[in-house]
C-alpha atoms as a PDB file:
ATOM      1  CA  UNK A   1       0.000   0.000   0.000  1.00  0.00           C
ATOM      2  CA  UNK A   2       1.353   3.449  -0.845  1.00  0.00           C
ATOM      3  CA  UNK A   3       0.603   6.343   1.474  1.00  0.00           C
ATOM      4  CA  UNK A   4       0.807  10.067   0.978  1.00  0.00           C
ATOM      5  CA  UNK A   5       4.464  11.086   1.243  1.00  0.00           C
ATOM      6  CA  UNK A   6       3.384  14.129   3.262  1.00  0.00           C
ATOM      7  CA  UNK A   7       2.537  11.864   6.213  1.00  0.00           C
ATOM      8  CA  UNK A   8       5.649  11.709   8.399  1.00  0.00           C
ATOM      9  CA  UNK A   9       6.644   8.110   9.018  1.00  0.00           C
ATOM     10  CA  UNK A  10       9.230   5.996  10.776  1.00  0.00           C
ATOM     11  CA  UNK A  11      10.198   2.357  10.221  1.00  0.00           C
ATOM     12  CA  UNK A  12       9.901  -0.288  12.925  1.00  0.00           C
ATOM     13  CA  UNK A  13      13.688  -0.420  13.265  1.00  0.00           C
ATOM     14  CA  UNK A  14      14.041   3.347  13.592  1.00  0.00           C
ATOM     15  CA  UNK A  15      11.093   4.051  15.886  1.00  0.00           C
ATOM     16  CA  UNK A  16      12.293   5.930  18.984  1.00  0.00           C
ATOM     17  CA  UNK A  17      12.190   3.912  22.187  1.00  0.00           C
ATOM     18  CA  UNK A  18      11.110   6.911  24.254  1.00  0.00           C
ATOM     19  CA  UNK A  19       8.127   7.849  22.087  1.00  0.00           C
ATOM     20  CA  UNK A  20       4.531   7.321  23.089  1.00  0.00           C
ATOM     21  CA  UNK A  21       3.044   4.551  20.937  1.00  0.00           C
ATOM     22  CA  UNK A  22      -0.620   5.073  20.043  1.00  0.00           C
ATOM     23  CA  UNK A  23      -2.434   2.029  18.680  1.00  0.00           C
ATOM     24  CA  UNK A  24      -5.611   3.006  16.804  1.00  0.00           C
ATOM     25  CA  UNK A  25      -6.762  -0.522  15.923  1.00  0.00           C
ATOM     26  CA  UNK A  26      -9.971  -2.180  17.062  1.00  0.00           C
ATOM     27  CA  UNK A  27     -10.145  -4.009  20.428  1.00  0.00           C
ATOM     28  CA  UNK A  28      -9.839  -7.525  18.958  1.00  0.00           C
ATOM     29  CA  UNK A  29      -6.697  -6.509  17.051  1.00  0.00           C
ATOM     30  CA  UNK A  30      -5.239  -4.960  20.223  1.00  0.00           C
ATOM     31  CA  UNK A  31      -5.943  -8.074  22.315  1.00  0.00           C
ATOM     32  CA  UNK A  32      -4.232 -10.320  19.748  1.00  0.00           C
ATOM     33  CA  UNK A  33      -0.948  -8.416  19.901  1.00  0.00           C
ATOM     34  CA  UNK A  34       0.396  -4.946  20.514  1.00  0.00           C
ATOM     35  CA  UNK A  35       3.501  -3.004  21.490  1.00  0.00           C
ATOM     36  CA  UNK A  36       4.220  -3.145  25.229  1.00  0.00           C
ATOM     37  CA  UNK A  37       3.239   0.132  26.934  1.00  0.00           C
ATOM     38  CA  UNK A  38       1.352   1.377  23.858  1.00  0.00           C
ATOM     39  CA  UNK A  39      -1.809   3.378  24.458  1.00  0.00           C
ATOM     40  CA  UNK A  40      -4.952   2.005  22.854  1.00  0.00           C
ATOM     41  CA  UNK A  41      -7.463   4.459  21.421  1.00  0.00           C
ATOM     42  CA  UNK A  42      -9.416   3.055  18.452  1.00  0.00           C
ATOM     43  CA  UNK A  43      -9.508   5.470  15.507  1.00  0.00           C
ATOM     44  CA  UNK A  44     -13.252   6.003  15.896  1.00  0.00           C
ATOM     45  CA  UNK A  45     -12.733   7.224  19.487  1.00  0.00           C
ATOM     46  CA  UNK A  46      -9.713   9.448  18.849  1.00  0.00           C
ATOM     47  CA  UNK A  47     -11.523  12.790  18.611  1.00  0.00           C
ATOM     48  CA  UNK A  48     -13.364  12.200  21.897  1.00  0.00           C
ATOM     49  CA  UNK A  49     -10.268  10.901  23.711  1.00  0.00           C
ATOM     50  CA  UNK A  50      -7.582  13.237  22.335  1.00  0.00           C
ATOM     51  CA  UNK A  51      -6.994  14.729  25.803  1.00  0.00           C
ATOM     52  CA  UNK A  52      -5.536  11.376  26.908  1.00  0.00           C
ATOM     53  CA  UNK A  53      -2.463  12.031  24.747  1.00  0.00           C
ATOM     54  CA  UNK A  54       0.598  13.945  25.941  1.00  0.00           C
ATOM     55  CA  UNK A  55       1.223  17.168  24.066  1.00  0.00           C
ATOM     56  CA  UNK A  56       4.899  17.304  25.071  1.00  0.00           C
ATOM     57  CA  UNK A  57       6.200  13.993  23.662  1.00  0.00           C
ATOM     58  CA  UNK A  58       6.544  12.483  20.221  1.00  0.00           C
ATOM     59  CA  UNK A  59       3.822  10.004  19.336  1.00  0.00           C
ATOM     60  CA  UNK A  60       4.244   7.035  17.000  1.00  0.00           C
ATOM     61  CA  UNK A  61       0.843   6.082  15.607  1.00  0.00           C
ATOM     62  CA  UNK A  62       0.201   2.405  14.812  1.00  0.00           C
ATOM     63  CA  UNK A  63      -2.419   0.234  13.108  1.00  0.00           C
ATOM     64  CA  UNK A  64      -2.225  -3.066  11.206  1.00  0.00           C
ATOM     65  CA  UNK A  65      -0.554  -1.838   7.978  1.00  0.00           C
ATOM     66  CA  UNK A  66      -0.480   1.957   8.297  1.00  0.00           C
ATOM     67  CA  UNK A  67      -3.678   3.291   6.729  1.00  0.00           C
ATOM     68  CA  UNK A  68      -5.748   4.108   9.809  1.00  0.00           C
ATOM     69  CA  UNK A  69      -2.689   5.335  11.675  1.00  0.00           C
ATOM     70  CA  UNK A  70      -1.811   7.627   8.736  1.00  0.00           C
ATOM     71  CA  UNK A  71      -5.254   9.229   9.088  1.00  0.00           C
ATOM     72  CA  UNK A  72      -4.707   9.625  12.836  1.00  0.00           C
ATOM     73  CA  UNK A  73      -1.207  11.041  12.242  1.00  0.00           C
ATOM     74  CA  UNK A  74      -2.517  13.748   9.910  1.00  0.00           C
ATOM     75  CA  UNK A  75      -5.352  14.620  12.298  1.00  0.00           C
ATOM     76  CA  UNK A  76      -3.128  14.790  15.388  1.00  0.00           C
ATOM     77  CA  UNK A  77      -0.434  16.833  13.652  1.00  0.00           C
ATOM     78  CA  UNK A  78      -3.123  19.348  12.656  1.00  0.00           C
ATOM     79  CA  UNK A  79      -4.078  19.560  16.337  1.00  0.00           C
ATOM     80  CA  UNK A  80      -0.506  20.495  17.266  1.00  0.00           C
ATOM     81  CA  UNK A  81       0.844  17.115  18.335  1.00  0.00           C
ATOM     82  CA  UNK A  82       4.193  15.782  17.110  1.00  0.00           C
ATOM     83  CA  UNK A  83       3.210  12.496  15.454  1.00  0.00           C
ATOM     84  CA  UNK A  84       4.760  10.053  12.996  1.00  0.00           C
ATOM     85  CA  UNK A  85       3.147   7.012  11.407  1.00  0.00           C
ATOM     86  CA  UNK A  86       4.684   3.563  11.894  1.00  0.00           C
ATOM     87  CA  UNK A  87       5.461   2.588   8.299  1.00  0.00           C
ATOM     88  CA  UNK A  88       3.893  -0.801   7.583  1.00  0.00           C
ATOM     89  CA  UNK A  89       2.125  -0.865  10.940  1.00  0.00           C
ATOM     90  CA  UNK A  90       2.071  -3.842  13.267  1.00  0.00           C
ATOM     91  CA  UNK A  91       2.735  -6.183  10.361  1.00  0.00           C
ATOM     92  CA  UNK A  92       6.103  -4.467   9.803  1.00  0.00           C
ATOM     93  CA  UNK A  93       6.758  -4.310  13.560  1.00  0.00           C
ATOM     94  CA  UNK A  94       6.140  -8.058  13.891  1.00  0.00           C
ATOM     95  CA  UNK A  95       8.160  -8.887  10.748  1.00  0.00           C
ATOM     96  CA  UNK A  96      11.082  -6.877  12.143  1.00  0.00           C
ATOM     97  CA  UNK A  97      11.082  -9.082  15.248  1.00  0.00           C
ATOM     98  CA  UNK A  98      10.117  -6.234  17.554  1.00  0.00           C
ATOM     99  CA  UNK A  99       8.590  -7.282  20.911  1.00  0.00           C
ATOM    100  CA  UNK A 100       4.850  -7.656  21.292  1.00  0.00           C
ATOM    101  CA  UNK A 101       2.459  -8.773  23.999  1.00  0.00           C
ATOM    102  CA  UNK A 102      -1.092 -10.114  23.839  1.00  0.00           C
ATOM    103  CA  UNK A 103      -4.094  -9.761  26.112  1.00  0.00           C
ATOM    104  CA  UNK A 104      -5.833 -13.037  25.235  1.00  0.00           C
ATOM    105  CA  UNK A 105      -3.431 -15.662  26.613  1.00  0.00           C
ATOM    106  CA  UNK A 106      -2.209 -16.677  23.151  1.00  0.00           C
ATOM    107  CA  UNK A 107       1.145 -15.840  21.577  1.00  0.00           C
ATOM    108  CA  UNK A 108       1.160 -12.254  20.251  1.00  0.00           C
ATOM    109  CA  UNK A 109       0.081 -11.952  16.621  1.00  0.00           C
ATOM    110  CA  UNK A 110      -1.235  -9.423  14.139  1.00  0.00           C
ATOM    111  CA  UNK A 111      -4.817  -9.872  12.956  1.00  0.00           C
END
């Protein structure tokens, strides 16, 4: 999938360790596997829950492959947040061997 080059992005290998990770996937996707310490706000709830995000730290926005998180990245940047999209999403994160946890008792996976 090709995204708008105007959406700032970072690869799984270059994502800053000290950033806030925002996962905008649906609850079942989150439970299956996510980045440890990520914050979970589904895309459809982002406008109502924007105040839960820190305004003073970089945010890396995440979804399954990068489409929903690209939308969230554009929106949040317009609101004054410093946000980058995780290029390739959780599929790229998982493929890069980056650590994940699950909430359903099964091995972490991307669905």
